[in-house]
Amino acid sequence: MTAVTIAEESPRQPAVVRLLELSDAYAASLYPAESNHLVDLSTLEKPTVSFFVARRDGEIVGCCALVEAGDGTAEIKRMFVDLEARGLKIGKHLLAALEAKAETRGLAAIRLETGIYQPEAIGLYKAFGYEERPPFGSYLPDPLSLFLEKPVRQVA
């Protein structure tokens, strides 16, 4: 039995940088540059960002960020799980941690942009109740992008 933990950590760690590089390469293999909306390491270190790291038996195997927009919503960025750790429900654990953080921050909704060639990611988000919506923020319509949103459950 492998122990998986999710915690807020700094993105500036060699194993996280490696994951971000793998994520960049994966996105570049699927989409042209103008359809890749990746944020860099310095953006992930801003105070409006909650960065989560997934560890399996202490090793970093996944990450994601909740980036607050300043309007009561936040966007999921940089959700990525190492290929060798896929199938262990790490994406579900990361998404649950993000949603719990959004609740405690009193946010109204969580949004995201993902690519149409990532059926596993789309399936995960839809299973968690995310629904399609038009582009938001600075995004423009893109036939290779899918925009999703989920209202945040308000804690009584």
Protein backbone atom coordinates (compact mmCIF):
# COMPACT_ATOMS: atom_id res chain seq x y z
CA MET A 1 0.00 0.00 0.00
CA THR A 2 1.48 3.31 -1.05
CA ALA A 3 0.82 6.39 1.04
CA VAL A 4 -0.30 9.45 -0.92
CA THR A 5 -0.25 12.86 0.74
CA ILE A 6 -1.38 16.24 -0.56
CA ALA A 7 -0.02 19.42 1.00
CA GLU A 8 0.51 23.06 0.16
CA GLU A 9 4.19 23.49 -0.64
CA SER A 10 6.51 25.77 -2.53
CA PRO A 11 6.61 25.17 -6.27
CA ARG A 12 10.35 26.01 -6.25
CA GLN A 13 11.61 22.48 -5.64
CA PRO A 14 13.65 20.43 -8.13
CA ALA A 15 11.04 17.64 -8.29
CA VAL A 16 8.24 20.15 -8.92
CA VAL A 17 10.28 21.94 -11.58
CA ARG A 18 10.79 18.52 -13.23
CA LEU A 19 7.00 17.93 -13.20
CA LEU A 20 6.37 21.36 -14.72
CA GLU A 21 8.90 20.61 -17.46
CA LEU A 22 7.18 17.27 -18.15
CA SER A 23 3.85 19.11 -18.24
CA ASP A 24 5.26 21.68 -20.69
CA ALA A 25 6.58 18.93 -22.97
CA TYR A 26 3.28 17.03 -22.81
CA ALA A 27 1.25 20.14 -23.68
CA ALA A 28 3.65 21.02 -26.50
CA SER A 29 3.22 17.51 -27.93
CA LEU A 30 -0.56 18.00 -28.13
CA TYR A 31 -1.13 21.67 -28.95
CA PRO A 32 0.46 24.57 -30.84
CA ALA A 33 2.11 27.24 -28.66
CA GLU A 34 -0.79 29.69 -29.04
CA SER A 35 -3.15 27.10 -27.51
CA ASN A 36 -0.94 26.42 -24.49
CA HIS A 37 -1.84 28.61 -21.52
CA LEU A 38 0.80 27.54 -19.02
CA VAL A 39 1.93 29.75 -16.15
CA ASP A 40 5.57 29.96 -15.09
CA LEU A 41 7.21 29.23 -11.76
CA SER A 42 7.28 32.87 -10.61
CA THR A 43 3.50 33.13 -11.18
CA LEU A 44 3.01 30.03 -9.01
CA GLU A 45 4.84 31.75 -6.14
CA LYS A 46 2.48 34.74 -5.93
CA PRO A 47 0.49 35.23 -2.70
CA THR A 48 -2.79 34.75 -4.61
CA VAL A 49 -1.75 31.18 -5.51
CA SER A 50 -2.19 28.04 -3.42
CA PHE A 51 0.19 25.40 -4.77
CA PHE A 52 -0.42 21.75 -3.94
CA VAL A 53 2.04 18.89 -4.15
CA ALA A 54 1.14 15.21 -4.20
CA ARG A 55 3.66 12.80 -2.74
CA ARG A 56 3.69 9.04 -2.95
CA ASP A 57 5.84 7.53 -0.22
CA GLY A 58 7.51 10.93 0.14
CA GLU A 59 8.32 11.40 -3.55
CA ILE A 60 6.70 14.26 -5.49
CA VAL A 61 4.43 12.75 -8.16
CA GLY A 62 1.85 15.45 -8.87
CA CYS A 63 0.98 19.11 -8.51
CA CYS A 64 -1.63 21.76 -9.16
CA ALA A 65 -2.33 25.39 -8.36
CA LEU A 66 -5.40 27.36 -7.35
CA VAL A 67 -4.90 30.88 -8.74
CA GLU A 68 -7.27 33.46 -7.32
CA ALA A 69 -8.57 35.92 -9.92
CA GLY A 70 -9.50 38.70 -7.47
CA ASP A 71 -13.19 38.58 -8.42
CA GLY A 72 -14.30 35.79 -6.08
CA THR A 73 -13.26 33.04 -8.47
CA ALA A 74 -10.09 31.03 -8.92
CA GLU A 75 -8.57 29.06 -11.75
CA ILE A 76 -6.95 25.64 -11.68
CA LYS A 77 -3.50 25.78 -13.29
CA ARG A 78 -0.65 23.31 -13.71
CA MET A 79 -2.57 20.15 -12.75
CA PHE A 80 -0.15 17.38 -13.63
CA VAL A 81 0.58 13.85 -12.43
CA ASP A 82 3.76 11.98 -13.31
CA LEU A 83 3.07 9.24 -15.87
CA GLU A 84 4.46 6.64 -13.47
CA ALA A 85 1.91 7.61 -10.81
CA ARG A 86 -1.17 7.67 -13.06
CA GLY A 87 -4.01 5.40 -12.03
CA LEU A 88 -3.47 6.02 -8.30
CA LYS A 89 -6.28 8.62 -8.09
CA ILE A 90 -3.75 11.39 -7.40
CA GLY A 91 -5.66 13.79 -9.67
CA LYS A 92 -8.77 13.20 -7.56
CA HIS A 93 -6.84 13.88 -4.35
CA LEU A 94 -5.35 17.08 -5.79
CA LEU A 95 -8.72 18.30 -7.03
CA ALA A 96 -10.35 17.59 -3.65
CA ALA A 97 -7.61 19.59 -1.90
CA LEU A 98 -8.08 22.51 -4.32
CA GLU A 99 -11.83 22.52 -3.78
CA ALA A 100 -11.44 22.41 0.01
CA LYS A 101 -9.07 25.39 -0.18
CA ALA A 102 -11.54 27.30 -2.38
CA GLU A 103 -14.25 26.68 0.24
CA THR A 104 -12.10 27.99 3.08
CA ARG A 105 -11.18 31.05 0.98
CA GLY A 106 -14.90 31.78 0.45
CA LEU A 107 -14.63 31.67 -3.33
CA ALA A 108 -17.78 31.51 -5.46
CA ALA A 109 -16.48 29.38 -8.34
CA ILE A 110 -13.50 27.46 -9.68
CA ARG A 111 -12.72 27.70 -13.39
CA LEU A 112 -10.25 26.07 -15.72
CA GLU A 113 -9.11 25.76 -19.29
CA THR A 114 -8.00 22.39 -20.59
CA GLY A 115 -7.29 20.99 -24.00
CA ILE A 116 -9.69 18.89 -26.03
CA TYR A 117 -7.05 16.15 -26.50
CA GLN A 118 -6.94 15.31 -22.80
CA PRO A 119 -9.95 13.02 -22.26
CA GLU A 120 -8.70 11.77 -18.88
CA ALA A 121 -8.47 15.30 -17.50
CA ILE A 122 -11.85 16.26 -18.95
CA GLY A 123 -13.39 13.10 -17.48
CA LEU A 124 -11.96 13.88 -14.04
CA TYR A 125 -13.28 17.44 -14.03
CA LYS A 126 -16.72 16.42 -15.28
CA ALA A 127 -16.90 13.63 -12.68
CA PHE A 128 -16.27 16.33 -10.05
CA GLY A 129 -19.19 18.39 -11.41
CA TYR A 130 -17.39 20.91 -13.61
CA GLU A 131 -19.54 22.10 -16.50
CA GLU A 132 -18.67 23.69 -19.82
CA ARG A 133 -18.77 27.47 -20.03
CA PRO A 134 -17.60 30.20 -22.43
CA PRO A 135 -14.02 31.54 -22.26
CA PHE A 136 -13.31 33.67 -19.19
CA GLY A 137 -10.71 36.20 -18.09
CA SER A 138 -8.18 36.87 -20.84
CA TYR A 139 -8.93 33.65 -22.75
CA LEU A 140 -10.17 33.91 -26.32
CA PRO A 141 -12.29 31.27 -28.03
CA ASP A 142 -10.05 28.42 -29.20
CA PRO A 143 -11.29 25.24 -30.91
CA LEU A 144 -8.58 23.31 -29.02
CA SER A 145 -9.66 24.61 -25.59
CA LEU A 146 -12.45 23.54 -23.28
CA PHE A 147 -13.51 25.93 -20.51
CA LEU A 148 -15.11 24.52 -17.37
CA GLU A 149 -16.53 25.90 -14.12
CA LYS A 150 -17.95 24.64 -10.87
CA PRO A 151 -19.62 26.67 -8.13
CA VAL A 152 -17.91 26.33 -4.77
CA ARG A 153 -20.04 24.82 -2.04
CA GLN A 154 -20.48 27.45 0.63
CA VAL A 155 -19.59 26.33 4.13
CA ALA A 156 -22.37 27.24 6.58
